Amino acid sequence: MVKVTSKNESIRRMVEGSINAFLRGKKNQNWVIGEIRTSGIKKEALKKLFTEFHKGNLGNVQLLELENECFNLKFI
């Protein structure tokens, strides 16, 4: 049997991977913002992702700056 994921779950995973790539230094902030912008992720889902990332990356300046930029762009 094939497991089917919902569209929202697929979008969340894509954005999560993009943020991970940014935090590992493989992509820059502008790239991640573009991925978030084009993904269509819902505000609440993005807020939840940031909350989850903060648990594992407490005080990470890059993560805080990304979240702030998303807030300024009204993504969250």
N, C-alpha and C. Protein backbone atom coordinates (compact mmCIF):
# COMPACT_ATOMS: atom_id res chain seq x y z
N MET A 1 0.84 -1.18 0.00
CA MET A 1 0.00 0.00 0.00
C MET A 1 0.89 1.25 0.00
N VAL A 2 0.52 2.24 -0.77
CA VAL A 2 1.28 3.47 -0.89
C VAL A 2 0.75 4.49 0.12
N LYS A 3 1.68 5.09 0.85
CA LYS A 3 1.29 6.13 1.81
C LYS A 3 1.21 7.46 1.07
N VAL A 4 0.09 8.13 1.20
CA VAL A 4 -0.13 9.41 0.54
C VAL A 4 -0.09 10.51 1.60
N THR A 5 0.75 11.53 1.35
CA THR A 5 0.80 12.65 2.29
C THR A 5 -0.06 13.79 1.75
N SER A 6 -0.59 14.56 2.65
CA SER A 6 -1.43 15.69 2.24
C SER A 6 -0.57 16.79 1.63
N LYS A 7 -1.21 17.65 0.90
CA LYS A 7 -0.51 18.78 0.29
C LYS A 7 0.13 19.66 1.36
N ASN A 8 -0.61 19.91 2.44
CA ASN A 8 -0.08 20.75 3.52
C ASN A 8 1.15 20.13 4.16
N GLU A 9 1.14 18.80 4.32
CA GLU A 9 2.29 18.11 4.92
C GLU A 9 3.49 18.19 3.98
N SER A 10 3.26 18.04 2.71
CA SER A 10 4.35 18.14 1.72
C SER A 10 4.96 19.54 1.73
N ILE A 11 4.11 20.55 1.81
CA ILE A 11 4.58 21.94 1.85
C ILE A 11 5.40 22.17 3.12
N ARG A 12 4.88 21.67 4.25
CA ARG A 12 5.59 21.85 5.52
C ARG A 12 6.97 21.20 5.48
N ARG A 13 7.05 20.01 4.93
CA ARG A 13 8.34 19.32 4.83
C ARG A 13 9.31 20.07 3.92
N MET A 14 8.81 20.63 2.83
CA MET A 14 9.67 21.38 1.91
C MET A 14 10.23 22.63 2.61
N VAL A 15 9.37 23.35 3.32
CA VAL A 15 9.82 24.55 4.03
C VAL A 15 10.78 24.17 5.16
N GLU A 16 10.50 23.09 5.85
CA GLU A 16 11.38 22.61 6.92
C GLU A 16 12.77 22.29 6.35
N GLY A 17 12.81 21.62 5.22
CA GLY A 17 14.08 21.31 4.58
C GLY A 17 14.83 22.56 4.15
N SER A 18 14.09 23.55 3.68
CA SER A 18 14.70 24.82 3.27
C SER A 18 15.33 25.54 4.46
N ILE A 19 14.62 25.56 5.58
CA ILE A 19 15.16 26.20 6.78
C ILE A 19 16.38 25.44 7.28
N ASN A 20 16.31 24.12 7.24
CA ASN A 20 17.47 23.30 7.64
C ASN A 20 18.69 23.60 6.77
N ALA A 21 18.49 23.71 5.47
CA ALA A 21 19.59 24.02 4.56
C ALA A 21 20.20 25.38 4.90
N PHE A 22 19.35 26.33 5.23
CA PHE A 22 19.82 27.66 5.63
C PHE A 22 20.64 27.60 6.91
N LEU A 23 20.14 26.87 7.90
CA LEU A 23 20.83 26.79 9.18
C LEU A 23 22.15 26.04 9.07
N ARG A 24 22.27 25.14 8.11
CA ARG A 24 23.52 24.41 7.88
C ARG A 24 24.50 25.21 7.01
N GLY A 25 24.05 26.37 6.52
CA GLY A 25 24.93 27.23 5.72
C GLY A 25 24.97 26.88 4.25
N LYS A 26 24.07 26.02 3.79
CA LYS A 26 24.07 25.62 2.39
C LYS A 26 23.29 26.59 1.51
N LYS A 27 22.38 27.35 2.09
CA LYS A 27 21.57 28.32 1.36
C LYS A 27 21.52 29.61 2.15
N ASN A 28 21.25 30.73 1.45
CA ASN A 28 21.19 32.01 2.15
C ASN A 28 19.74 32.39 2.50
N GLN A 29 19.61 33.45 3.26
CA GLN A 29 18.29 33.87 3.74
C GLN A 29 17.36 34.24 2.60
N ASN A 30 17.87 34.92 1.58
CA ASN A 30 17.02 35.30 0.46
C ASN A 30 16.41 34.07 -0.23
N TRP A 31 17.20 33.02 -0.35
CA TRP A 31 16.71 31.80 -0.97
C TRP A 31 15.58 31.19 -0.14
N VAL A 32 15.78 31.13 1.17
CA VAL A 32 14.75 30.55 2.05
C VAL A 32 13.48 31.39 1.98
N ILE A 33 13.60 32.70 2.00
CA ILE A 33 12.43 33.57 1.91
C ILE A 33 11.68 33.30 0.61
N GLY A 34 12.40 33.13 -0.48
CA GLY A 34 11.77 32.79 -1.76
C GLY A 34 11.04 31.47 -1.71
N GLU A 35 11.64 30.47 -1.06
CA GLU A 35 10.99 29.16 -0.92
C GLU A 35 9.72 29.28 -0.09
N ILE A 36 9.79 30.04 0.99
CA ILE A 36 8.61 30.22 1.84
C ILE A 36 7.52 30.96 1.07
N ARG A 37 7.91 32.01 0.37
CA ARG A 37 6.96 32.83 -0.39
C ARG A 37 6.22 31.99 -1.43
N THR A 38 6.93 31.16 -2.16
CA THR A 38 6.31 30.40 -3.25
C THR A 38 5.64 29.11 -2.77
N SER A 39 5.91 28.70 -1.54
CA SER A 39 5.37 27.43 -1.05
C SER A 39 3.87 27.48 -0.80
N GLY A 40 3.39 28.63 -0.37
CA GLY A 40 1.97 28.72 -0.01
C GLY A 40 1.68 28.20 1.39
N ILE A 41 2.72 28.07 2.21
CA ILE A 41 2.52 27.57 3.57
C ILE A 41 1.64 28.54 4.35
N LYS A 42 0.77 27.98 5.16
CA LYS A 42 -0.12 28.81 5.96
C LYS A 42 0.63 29.43 7.13
N LYS A 43 0.15 30.60 7.57
CA LYS A 43 0.82 31.33 8.66
C LYS A 43 0.96 30.47 9.91
N GLU A 44 -0.09 29.79 10.29
CA GLU A 44 -0.05 28.98 11.51
C GLU A 44 0.95 27.84 11.40
N ALA A 45 1.05 27.24 10.23
CA ALA A 45 2.00 26.15 10.02
C ALA A 45 3.44 26.67 10.10
N LEU A 46 3.68 27.86 9.56
CA LEU A 46 5.01 28.44 9.61
C LEU A 46 5.38 28.83 11.04
N LYS A 47 4.43 29.39 11.78
CA LYS A 47 4.67 29.71 13.19
C LYS A 47 5.05 28.46 13.97
N LYS A 48 4.32 27.37 13.72
CA LYS A 48 4.59 26.11 14.41
C LYS A 48 5.98 25.58 14.06
N LEU A 49 6.38 25.70 12.80
CA LEU A 49 7.72 25.27 12.38
C LEU A 49 8.79 26.06 13.12
N PHE A 50 8.63 27.37 13.21
CA PHE A 50 9.60 28.19 13.92
C PHE A 50 9.67 27.79 15.39
N THR A 51 8.52 27.51 16.00
CA THR A 51 8.51 27.07 17.40
C THR A 51 9.30 25.77 17.56
N GLU A 52 9.10 24.84 16.64
CA GLU A 52 9.84 23.57 16.70
C GLU A 52 11.33 23.79 16.50
N PHE A 53 11.71 24.65 15.57
CA PHE A 53 13.13 24.93 15.32
C PHE A 53 13.78 25.60 16.53
N HIS A 54 13.05 26.48 17.20
CA HIS A 54 13.61 27.16 18.37
C HIS A 54 13.93 26.19 19.50
N LYS A 55 13.18 25.10 19.60
CA LYS A 55 13.45 24.11 20.64
C LYS A 55 14.83 23.48 20.47
N GLY A 56 15.23 23.26 19.23
CA GLY A 56 16.52 22.62 18.96
C GLY A 56 17.65 23.60 18.68
N ASN A 57 17.32 24.85 18.46
CA ASN A 57 18.33 25.86 18.09
C ASN A 57 18.16 27.10 18.95
N LEU A 58 18.04 26.92 20.24
CA LEU A 58 17.78 28.01 21.16
C LEU A 58 18.82 29.11 21.02
N GLY A 59 18.36 30.32 20.75
CA GLY A 59 19.25 31.47 20.66
C GLY A 59 20.01 31.59 19.35
N ASN A 60 19.68 30.76 18.36
CA ASN A 60 20.36 30.82 17.07
C ASN A 60 20.02 32.15 16.38
N VAL A 61 21.02 32.98 16.16
CA VAL A 61 20.81 34.31 15.60
C VAL A 61 20.24 34.24 14.19
N GLN A 62 20.75 33.31 13.38
CA GLN A 62 20.25 33.19 12.01
C GLN A 62 18.76 32.84 12.00
N LEU A 63 18.36 31.95 12.87
CA LEU A 63 16.95 31.56 12.94
C LEU A 63 16.10 32.73 13.39
N LEU A 64 16.57 33.48 14.37
CA LEU A 64 15.83 34.66 14.84
C LEU A 64 15.70 35.70 13.74
N GLU A 65 16.77 35.92 12.98
CA GLU A 65 16.72 36.89 11.88
C GLU A 65 15.75 36.44 10.79
N LEU A 66 15.76 35.14 10.47
CA LEU A 66 14.84 34.61 9.47
C LEU A 66 13.40 34.77 9.93
N GLU A 67 13.14 34.44 11.18
CA GLU A 67 11.79 34.57 11.71
C GLU A 67 11.34 36.04 11.69
N ASN A 68 12.24 36.94 12.06
CA ASN A 68 11.93 38.37 12.05
C ASN A 68 11.61 38.84 10.64
N GLU A 69 12.38 38.38 9.66
CA GLU A 69 12.12 38.77 8.27
C GLU A 69 10.78 38.23 7.80
N CYS A 70 10.45 37.01 8.18
CA CYS A 70 9.14 36.45 7.83
C CYS A 70 8.02 37.25 8.46
N PHE A 71 8.23 37.70 9.69
CA PHE A 71 7.25 38.54 10.36
C PHE A 71 7.08 39.87 9.61
N ASN A 72 8.22 40.50 9.24
CA ASN A 72 8.17 41.77 8.52
C ASN A 72 7.46 41.65 7.16
N LEU A 73 7.61 40.48 6.52
CA LEU A 73 6.97 40.24 5.24
C LEU A 73 5.55 39.72 5.38
N LYS A 74 5.09 39.63 6.64
CA LYS A 74 3.73 39.19 6.98
C LYS A 74 3.45 37.74 6.57
N PHE A 75 4.52 36.92 6.61
CA PHE A 75 4.34 35.48 6.39
C PHE A 75 3.83 34.81 7.66
N ILE A 76 4.13 35.46 8.82
CA ILE A 76 3.65 34.96 10.11
C ILE A 76 3.03 36.11 10.89
